Amino acid sequence: MLLTARYELRNTMASAIAAIVLGFASLSLSGCAAQADSQEVAHSASQGESGHHEHTIVVTSPVRMDVISTQPYVCQIHSCQHIEVRALEGGYLEKICVKEGQRVKKGELMFKILPVLYQARKESEEAEVQRLQIELDNAKALLQKGIVAAPQIALKEAEVAKAKAKLGVARAELSFTDVVAPFDGIVDRQRSQQGSLIEEGDILTTFSDNSLMWVYFNVPEKDYLAYKAELDKDKDNDGTSPGHLQIELRLANHEIFPQQGKIGAIEADFNNTTGNISFRADFPNPSGLLRNGQTGTILIHRTLKDVVVIPQRATFEILAKRYAYVVGEDNVVHQRDITVQTAQDDIFVIEQGLKANDKIILEGIRQVRDGDKIEYEFRAADEVLGNLKYHAE
């Protein structure tokens, strides 16, 4: 009986030990399987990375060509004549003969100030002239009879001349009550209403001649030197040579004003604070579209002859300096500092740093570094410039 119990206890312990051993074995197998799975995933990821191909590096060359350079300048538009119409004499504003915004011809009556006092003064002076003239005529008749002497006639003539001078002043004062247009122009806002009491010198309105507009803009010293050279070059021709400055006006709605402008004046002094000098461009305004006080943008176009041109996207910028990658004869990439003369659409005009026979990286700039040896695809400059639509990276 005791032997049977021991035998059963031994079998039970053996079964428990076997179960524990099987559990450890299964855990070990699961760990191995998991490790194998992770190694397989890593291997697949590694294969994915090695199977990825970077974009082809495209190389092109700078090209020499003529470029029309356009430089914009913020501007202010003014009438060639813009004046304040003031009352020359005081009095009541009797009549307003024009409306705001009306076009008026030279000599046309605009305002009339009540002339009662001046009319009375003129009539008084006219009467005085008539009286003295009668006295002079009587003195001449008496002179013929020998009643008066010749010096008395001279005194009478002097009195008549003095009276006529006073009459002229009275007539001038009376004419000052009629305010007429000094030139053809447009009437601005009226400052006083009919019946208002006007003091001498009061502003009645402003008046503008918009047939020719003066457009003012500020030019840096570097641009001034270039434009002055072009203006001197074209001084003796009709303005149709390639070097001539072509001047356009872009309005606030981004439309181009239909009339071409020309440089009318350059101020004498530079502004020492800004380093700029003021230019004036003159624009005919036959349709009256432009008005005094408008703003816009002056566009100055000039032809740059035989300059080095590259696409903007063939460059990159580091700390406010611009660079390009130049590919040497050994296919090794070299970073080169360049100086841009001007930017135009999608191209840069290069002042220094590149020559027409250099090879520069156009696409794949971010894939290379200075000193890398590369394989590339070359693309002709004419083809590249004909398909530009992106700016620099």
Protein backbone atom coordinates (compact mmCIF):
# COMPACT_ATOMS: atom_id res chain seq x y z
CA MET A 1 0.00 0.00 0.00
CA LEU A 2 2.85 2.33 0.88
CA LEU A 3 4.71 1.38 -2.28
CA THR A 4 1.67 2.16 -4.36
CA ALA A 5 1.39 5.64 -2.83
CA ARG A 6 5.04 6.45 -3.45
CA TYR A 7 4.73 5.28 -7.03
CA GLU A 8 1.78 7.58 -7.67
CA LEU A 9 3.59 10.56 -6.05
CA ARG A 10 6.63 9.95 -8.24
CA ASN A 11 4.48 9.86 -11.38
CA THR A 12 2.77 13.11 -10.39
CA MET A 13 6.11 14.92 -9.86
CA ALA A 14 7.42 13.61 -13.15
CA SER A 15 4.36 14.93 -14.95
CA ALA A 16 4.79 18.38 -13.34
CA ILE A 17 8.46 18.56 -14.25
CA ALA A 18 7.64 17.55 -17.83
CA ALA A 19 5.02 20.29 -18.03
CA ILE A 20 7.49 22.91 -16.80
CA VAL A 21 10.12 21.77 -19.29
CA LEU A 22 7.62 21.91 -22.14
CA GLY A 23 6.59 25.45 -21.09
CA PHE A 24 10.20 26.71 -21.18
CA ALA A 25 10.71 25.06 -24.53
CA SER A 26 7.65 26.72 -26.04
CA LEU A 27 8.75 30.13 -24.71
CA SER A 28 12.20 29.62 -26.23
CA LEU A 29 10.72 28.67 -29.58
CA SER A 30 8.39 31.72 -29.54
CA GLY A 31 11.36 34.02 -28.84
CA CYS A 32 13.33 32.54 -31.69
CA ALA A 33 10.39 32.93 -34.04
CA ALA A 34 9.93 36.56 -33.01
CA GLN A 35 13.64 37.25 -33.50
CA ALA A 36 13.48 35.62 -36.91
CA ASP A 37 10.47 37.74 -37.85
CA SER A 38 12.19 40.98 -36.75
CA GLN A 39 15.31 40.04 -38.69
CA GLU A 40 13.18 39.41 -41.74
CA VAL A 41 11.47 42.83 -41.40
CA ALA A 42 14.81 44.57 -40.99
CA HIS A 43 16.16 42.75 -43.99
CA SER A 44 13.11 43.80 -46.03
CA ALA A 45 13.51 47.42 -44.94
CA SER A 46 17.17 47.26 -45.82
CA GLN A 47 16.31 45.92 -49.22
CA GLY A 48 13.74 48.71 -49.65
CA GLU A 49 16.32 51.39 -48.93
CA SER A 50 18.90 49.87 -51.20
CA GLY A 51 16.28 49.54 -53.92
CA HIS A 52 15.41 53.32 -53.78
CA HIS A 53 17.04 55.37 -56.58
CA GLU A 54 17.71 59.12 -56.24
CA HIS A 55 16.70 61.53 -59.04
CA THR A 56 19.07 61.98 -61.91
CA ILE A 57 21.45 64.91 -61.54
CA VAL A 58 20.97 67.30 -64.46
CA VAL A 59 23.75 69.64 -65.52
CA THR A 60 23.58 72.62 -67.87
CA SER A 61 25.75 75.58 -68.85
CA PRO A 62 25.42 79.36 -68.50
CA VAL A 63 24.69 81.17 -71.74
CA ARG A 64 25.59 84.60 -73.08
CA MET A 65 22.66 86.55 -74.49
CA ASP A 66 20.93 89.93 -74.59
CA VAL A 67 18.47 90.39 -71.74
CA ILE A 68 15.81 93.05 -71.25
CA SER A 69 16.15 94.01 -67.60
CA THR A 70 13.09 95.45 -65.83
CA GLN A 71 13.46 97.43 -62.62
CA PRO A 72 10.35 98.54 -60.66
CA TYR A 73 10.09 101.72 -58.57
CA VAL A 74 7.18 102.91 -56.43
CA CYS A 75 6.02 106.29 -57.74
CA GLN A 76 3.68 109.21 -57.13
CA ILE A 77 1.68 110.80 -59.95
CA HIS A 78 1.16 114.57 -60.20
CA SER A 79 -0.41 116.93 -62.71
CA CYS A 80 2.00 119.05 -64.73
CA GLN A 81 0.03 122.07 -63.44
CA HIS A 82 -1.84 121.90 -60.15
CA ILE A 83 -2.78 125.19 -58.50
CA GLU A 84 -4.97 126.65 -55.78
CA VAL A 85 -7.59 129.08 -57.12
CA ARG A 86 -7.81 131.94 -54.61
CA ALA A 87 -9.96 135.05 -54.31
CA LEU A 88 -7.98 138.19 -55.20
CA GLU A 89 -10.55 140.42 -53.49
CA GLY A 90 -12.90 139.96 -50.56
CA GLY A 91 -16.69 139.99 -50.76
CA TYR A 92 -19.72 137.75 -51.09
CA LEU A 93 -19.46 134.81 -53.47
CA GLU A 94 -22.17 135.87 -55.89
CA LYS A 95 -21.96 133.12 -58.50
CA ILE A 96 -20.33 129.71 -59.04
CA CYS A 97 -20.10 129.00 -62.76
CA VAL A 98 -18.43 125.57 -62.68
CA LYS A 99 -19.06 122.16 -61.13
CA GLU A 100 -16.68 119.83 -59.35
CA GLY A 101 -14.85 117.62 -61.84
CA GLN A 102 -15.80 119.83 -64.80
CA ARG A 103 -13.33 120.46 -67.62
CA VAL A 104 -12.81 124.18 -68.13
CA LYS A 105 -11.15 126.11 -70.96
CA LYS A 106 -8.61 128.85 -70.43
CA GLY A 107 -10.30 132.23 -69.77
CA GLU A 108 -13.67 130.72 -68.84
CA LEU A 109 -15.43 132.32 -65.85
CA MET A 110 -15.30 130.11 -62.75
CA PHE A 111 -16.39 132.29 -59.80
CA LYS A 112 -17.87 135.78 -59.45
CA ILE A 113 -17.60 137.82 -56.25
CA LEU A 114 -20.26 140.47 -55.58
CA PRO A 115 -18.72 143.62 -57.16
CA VAL A 116 -20.89 146.37 -55.60
CA LEU A 117 -18.05 148.28 -53.93
CA TYR A 118 -15.64 147.86 -56.85
CA GLN A 119 -18.31 148.78 -59.40
CA ALA A 120 -19.06 151.98 -57.49
CA ARG A 121 -15.38 152.86 -57.24
CA LYS A 122 -14.91 152.32 -60.97
CA GLU A 123 -17.90 154.52 -61.82
CA SER A 124 -16.59 157.22 -59.49
CA GLU A 125 -13.19 157.21 -61.19
CA GLU A 126 -14.83 157.28 -64.62
CA ALA A 127 -16.81 160.36 -63.60
CA GLU A 128 -13.65 162.05 -62.29
CA VAL A 129 -11.88 161.42 -65.57
CA GLN A 130 -14.79 162.93 -67.48
CA ARG A 131 -14.84 166.03 -65.22
CA LEU A 132 -11.13 166.67 -65.59
CA GLN A 133 -11.32 166.09 -69.32
CA ILE A 134 -14.01 168.79 -69.60
CA GLU A 135 -11.85 171.21 -67.60
CA LEU A 136 -8.91 170.44 -69.89
CA ASP A 137 -11.00 171.10 -73.00
CA ASN A 138 -12.23 174.44 -71.58
CA ALA A 139 -8.67 175.47 -70.65
CA LYS A 140 -7.51 174.76 -74.19
CA ALA A 141 -10.33 176.97 -75.56
CA LEU A 142 -9.31 179.79 -73.21
CA LEU A 143 -5.69 179.37 -74.21
CA GLN A 144 -6.62 180.15 -77.81
CA LYS A 145 -8.27 183.39 -76.61
CA GLY A 146 -5.20 184.24 -74.54
CA ILE A 147 -7.05 184.08 -71.24
CA VAL A 148 -4.96 181.28 -69.67
CA ALA A 149 -1.30 180.48 -69.96
CA ALA A 150 0.22 177.31 -71.40
CA PRO A 151 1.46 175.94 -68.03
CA GLN A 152 -2.11 175.74 -66.83
CA ILE A 153 -2.92 173.43 -69.75
CA ALA A 154 -0.02 171.15 -68.73
CA LEU A 155 -1.35 170.98 -65.16
CA LYS A 156 -4.80 170.03 -66.40
CA GLU A 157 -3.35 167.31 -68.65
CA ALA A 158 -1.43 165.89 -65.67
CA GLU A 159 -4.63 165.81 -63.59
CA VAL A 160 -6.42 163.93 -66.38
CA ALA A 161 -3.58 161.40 -66.63
CA LYS A 162 -3.66 160.82 -62.88
CA ALA A 163 -7.43 160.29 -62.94
CA LYS A 164 -7.12 157.80 -65.79
CA ALA A 165 -4.50 155.87 -63.79
CA LYS A 166 -6.90 155.65 -60.85
CA LEU A 167 -9.61 154.46 -63.22
CA GLY A 168 -7.29 151.71 -64.42
CA VAL A 169 -6.77 150.56 -60.81
CA ALA A 170 -10.52 150.57 -60.19
CA ARG A 171 -11.14 148.52 -63.33
CA ALA A 172 -8.43 146.01 -62.29
CA GLU A 173 -9.97 145.63 -58.83
CA LEU A 174 -13.36 145.07 -60.43
CA SER A 175 -11.89 142.44 -62.75
CA PHE A 176 -10.48 140.61 -59.72
CA THR A 177 -14.05 139.80 -58.70
CA ASP A 178 -14.26 137.58 -61.81
CA VAL A 179 -12.14 134.46 -61.26
CA VAL A 180 -11.31 132.89 -64.63
CA ALA A 181 -9.42 129.70 -65.56
CA PRO A 182 -5.70 130.39 -66.14
CA PHE A 183 -5.35 127.30 -68.38
CA ASP A 184 -7.34 124.32 -69.63
CA GLY A 185 -7.96 121.99 -66.72
CA ILE A 186 -10.27 120.14 -64.33
CA VAL A 187 -12.01 121.73 -61.35
CA ASP A 188 -11.49 120.06 -57.99
CA ARG A 189 -13.65 120.26 -54.84
CA GLN A 190 -15.30 123.61 -54.13
CA ARG A 191 -14.27 125.06 -50.78
CA SER A 192 -17.07 127.67 -50.46
CA GLN A 193 -20.73 127.74 -51.36
CA GLN A 194 -22.63 130.48 -53.16
CA GLY A 195 -23.37 133.41 -50.85
CA SER A 196 -20.37 132.79 -48.59
CA LEU A 197 -18.35 135.76 -47.40
CA ILE A 198 -14.93 135.49 -49.00
CA GLU A 199 -11.76 137.04 -47.63
CA GLU A 200 -8.92 138.12 -49.87
CA GLY A 201 -6.68 135.07 -50.47
CA ASP A 202 -9.28 132.41 -49.56
CA ILE A 203 -9.03 129.14 -51.54
CA LEU A 204 -12.07 128.64 -53.76
CA THR A 205 -10.95 125.34 -55.34
CA THR A 206 -7.92 123.60 -56.83
CA PHE A 207 -7.37 123.32 -60.55
CA SER A 208 -5.37 120.70 -62.48
CA ASP A 209 -3.98 120.38 -65.98
CA ASN A 210 -3.87 116.60 -66.52
CA SER A 211 -2.87 116.61 -70.17
CA LEU A 212 0.68 115.66 -69.13
CA MET A 213 1.45 113.84 -65.89
CA TRP A 214 4.68 114.09 -63.91
CA VAL A 215 5.55 110.83 -62.19
CA TYR A 216 8.19 111.00 -59.44
CA PHE A 217 10.23 108.04 -58.15
CA ASN A 218 13.48 107.50 -56.24
CA VAL A 219 16.48 105.72 -57.77
CA PRO A 220 19.52 104.29 -55.93
CA GLU A 221 22.93 105.63 -56.88
CA LYS A 222 23.99 102.45 -58.71
CA ASP A 223 20.89 102.52 -60.93
CA TYR A 224 21.27 106.28 -61.45
CA LEU A 225 24.75 105.78 -62.94
CA ALA A 226 23.47 103.10 -65.32
CA TYR A 227 20.45 105.14 -66.42
CA LYS A 228 22.48 108.32 -66.84
CA ALA A 229 24.86 106.48 -69.15
CA GLU A 230 21.91 105.23 -71.22
CA LEU A 231 20.36 108.70 -71.39
CA ASP A 232 23.63 110.25 -72.50
CA LYS A 233 24.03 107.53 -75.12
CA ASP A 234 20.59 108.20 -76.58
CA LYS A 235 20.71 111.98 -76.37
CA ASP A 236 21.24 112.41 -80.11
CA ASN A 237 18.93 109.72 -81.48
CA ASP A 238 15.17 109.30 -81.71
CA GLY A 239 14.91 106.86 -78.82
CA THR A 240 14.59 103.68 -80.90
CA SER A 241 18.06 102.21 -80.36
CA PRO A 242 18.38 99.00 -78.28
CA GLY A 243 20.06 100.88 -75.45
CA HIS A 244 17.17 103.31 -75.02
CA LEU A 245 15.35 103.29 -71.69
CA GLN A 246 11.77 102.13 -72.12
CA ILE A 247 9.54 103.44 -69.34
CA GLU A 248 6.12 102.07 -68.44
CA LEU A 249 3.67 102.84 -65.66
CA ARG A 250 1.89 100.02 -63.82
CA LEU A 251 -1.27 101.24 -62.10
CA ALA A 252 -2.75 100.17 -58.77
CA ASN A 253 -4.89 97.51 -60.49
CA HIS A 254 -1.68 96.01 -62.04
CA GLU A 255 -2.69 97.17 -65.52
CA ILE A 256 -0.04 98.87 -67.69
CA PHE A 257 -0.85 102.46 -68.65
CA PRO A 258 -1.12 102.54 -72.48
CA GLN A 259 1.18 105.55 -73.00
CA GLN A 260 4.98 105.29 -72.93
CA GLY A 261 6.89 107.68 -70.71
CA LYS A 262 10.25 109.39 -70.88
CA ILE A 263 12.63 110.86 -68.31
CA GLY A 264 11.70 114.52 -67.92
CA ALA A 265 14.01 115.61 -65.13
CA ILE A 266 16.54 114.42 -62.55
CA GLU A 267 16.95 116.31 -59.29
CA ALA A 268 20.25 118.03 -58.55
CA ASP A 269 21.06 116.39 -55.20
CA PHE A 270 21.08 112.93 -53.65
CA ASN A 271 19.25 112.32 -50.40
CA ASN A 272 22.09 111.62 -47.95
CA THR A 273 19.76 109.69 -45.65
CA THR A 274 18.46 107.20 -48.22
CA GLY A 275 21.20 107.39 -50.85
CA ASN A 276 18.56 107.94 -53.54
CA ILE A 277 17.97 110.63 -56.13
CA SER A 278 14.56 111.64 -57.46
CA PHE A 279 13.64 111.10 -61.13
CA ARG A 280 10.63 112.48 -62.99
CA ALA A 281 9.02 110.57 -65.85
CA ASP A 282 6.56 112.39 -68.15
CA PHE A 283 3.47 110.56 -69.47
CA PRO A 284 0.94 111.95 -71.96
CA ASN A 285 -2.59 111.55 -70.61
CA PRO A 286 -4.96 112.08 -73.55
CA SER A 287 -7.82 110.06 -72.08
CA GLY A 288 -7.59 111.72 -68.65
CA LEU A 289 -7.21 108.38 -66.87
CA LEU A 290 -4.43 109.64 -64.62
CA ARG A 291 -5.24 112.12 -61.86
CA ASN A 292 -3.16 114.16 -59.48
CA GLY A 293 -2.21 112.19 -56.35
CA GLN A 294 -2.42 108.67 -57.81
CA THR A 295 0.22 106.06 -57.04
CA GLY A 296 1.71 103.29 -59.14
CA THR A 297 4.93 101.55 -60.13
CA ILE A 298 7.41 102.75 -62.72
CA LEU A 299 8.93 99.96 -64.82
CA ILE A 300 12.24 100.82 -66.49
CA HIS A 301 13.29 98.38 -69.20
CA ARG A 302 16.81 98.41 -70.58
CA THR A 303 18.75 95.95 -72.72
CA LEU A 304 21.77 94.25 -71.16
CA LYS A 305 24.07 93.24 -74.00
CA ASP A 306 25.91 89.87 -74.06
CA VAL A 307 25.54 88.99 -70.37
CA VAL A 308 25.92 85.61 -68.63
CA VAL A 309 22.53 84.10 -67.76
CA ILE A 310 21.62 81.06 -65.64
CA PRO A 311 18.32 79.66 -64.28
CA GLN A 312 17.49 80.80 -60.78
CA ARG A 313 16.92 77.23 -59.62
CA ALA A 314 20.54 76.36 -60.44
CA THR A 315 21.60 78.40 -57.38
CA PHE A 316 21.25 78.22 -53.61
CA GLU A 317 21.73 80.70 -50.81
CA ILE A 318 23.73 80.43 -47.58
CA LEU A 319 23.93 83.32 -45.11
CA ALA A 320 22.80 85.92 -47.66
CA LYS A 321 25.37 84.73 -50.23
CA ARG A 322 24.43 82.96 -53.41
CA TYR A 323 26.25 79.90 -54.76
CA ALA A 324 26.19 77.44 -57.65
CA TYR A 325 27.66 73.95 -57.99
CA VAL A 326 30.20 73.80 -60.83
CA VAL A 327 31.16 70.41 -62.27
CA GLY A 328 34.83 70.11 -63.18
CA GLU A 329 36.46 68.09 -65.98
CA ASP A 330 36.89 65.17 -63.55
CA ASN A 331 33.16 65.24 -62.73
CA VAL A 332 33.92 66.56 -59.23
CA VAL A 333 31.49 69.13 -57.81
CA HIS A 334 32.82 72.47 -56.56
CA GLN A 335 30.78 75.09 -54.72
CA ARG A 336 31.33 78.54 -56.21
CA ASP A 337 30.37 81.99 -54.91
CA ILE A 338 28.52 84.05 -57.53
CA THR A 339 27.42 87.68 -57.76
CA VAL A 340 24.01 88.42 -59.29
CA GLN A 341 23.70 91.60 -61.32
CA THR A 342 19.93 91.46 -61.65
CA ALA A 343 17.05 88.99 -61.39
CA GLN A 344 14.57 88.73 -64.24
CA ASP A 345 11.62 86.31 -64.17
CA ASP A 346 13.22 82.86 -63.63
CA ILE A 347 16.78 83.80 -64.53
CA PHE A 348 19.75 85.49 -62.90
CA VAL A 349 22.11 87.77 -64.80
CA ILE A 350 25.55 86.96 -63.39
CA GLU A 351 27.99 89.78 -62.72
CA GLN A 352 30.89 87.55 -61.69
CA GLY A 353 31.62 83.94 -60.67
CA LEU A 354 30.57 82.02 -63.79
CA LYS A 355 31.57 81.83 -67.45
CA ALA A 356 29.68 80.56 -70.45
CA ASN A 357 31.79 77.38 -70.74
CA ASP A 358 31.21 76.26 -67.12
CA LYS A 359 28.96 73.34 -66.25
CA ILE A 360 26.53 73.89 -63.36
CA ILE A 361 24.08 71.58 -61.61
CA LEU A 362 20.49 72.39 -62.51
CA GLU A 363 18.59 69.54 -60.82
CA GLY A 364 19.78 67.54 -57.82
CA ILE A 365 21.46 70.37 -55.92
CA ARG A 366 20.31 68.86 -52.61
CA GLN A 367 21.82 65.46 -53.48
CA VAL A 368 25.45 66.61 -53.76
CA ARG A 369 28.11 68.24 -51.65
CA ASP A 370 31.29 70.08 -52.40
CA GLY A 371 33.93 67.56 -53.52
CA ASP A 372 31.52 64.80 -54.61
CA LYS A 373 32.21 62.94 -57.83
CA ILE A 374 28.98 62.50 -59.75
CA GLU A 375 27.37 61.02 -62.81
CA TYR A 376 24.98 63.34 -64.57
CA GLU A 377 22.80 64.05 -67.55
CA PHE A 378 23.68 67.17 -69.56
CA ARG A 379 20.90 69.39 -70.85
CA ALA A 380 21.50 72.21 -73.35
CA ALA A 381 21.08 75.76 -72.06
CA ASP A 382 18.63 76.71 -74.84
CA GLU A 383 16.34 73.85 -73.88
CA VAL A 384 16.52 74.75 -70.18
CA LEU A 385 15.82 78.47 -70.69
CA GLY A 386 12.91 77.65 -72.96
CA ASN A 387 11.13 75.66 -70.24
CA LEU A 388 11.69 77.67 -67.09
CA LYS A 389 8.86 78.05 -64.62
CA TYR A 390 10.39 77.67 -61.15
CA HIS A 391 12.45 80.06 -59.07
CA ALA A 392 15.58 79.30 -57.08
CA GLU A 393 15.59 76.64 -54.36
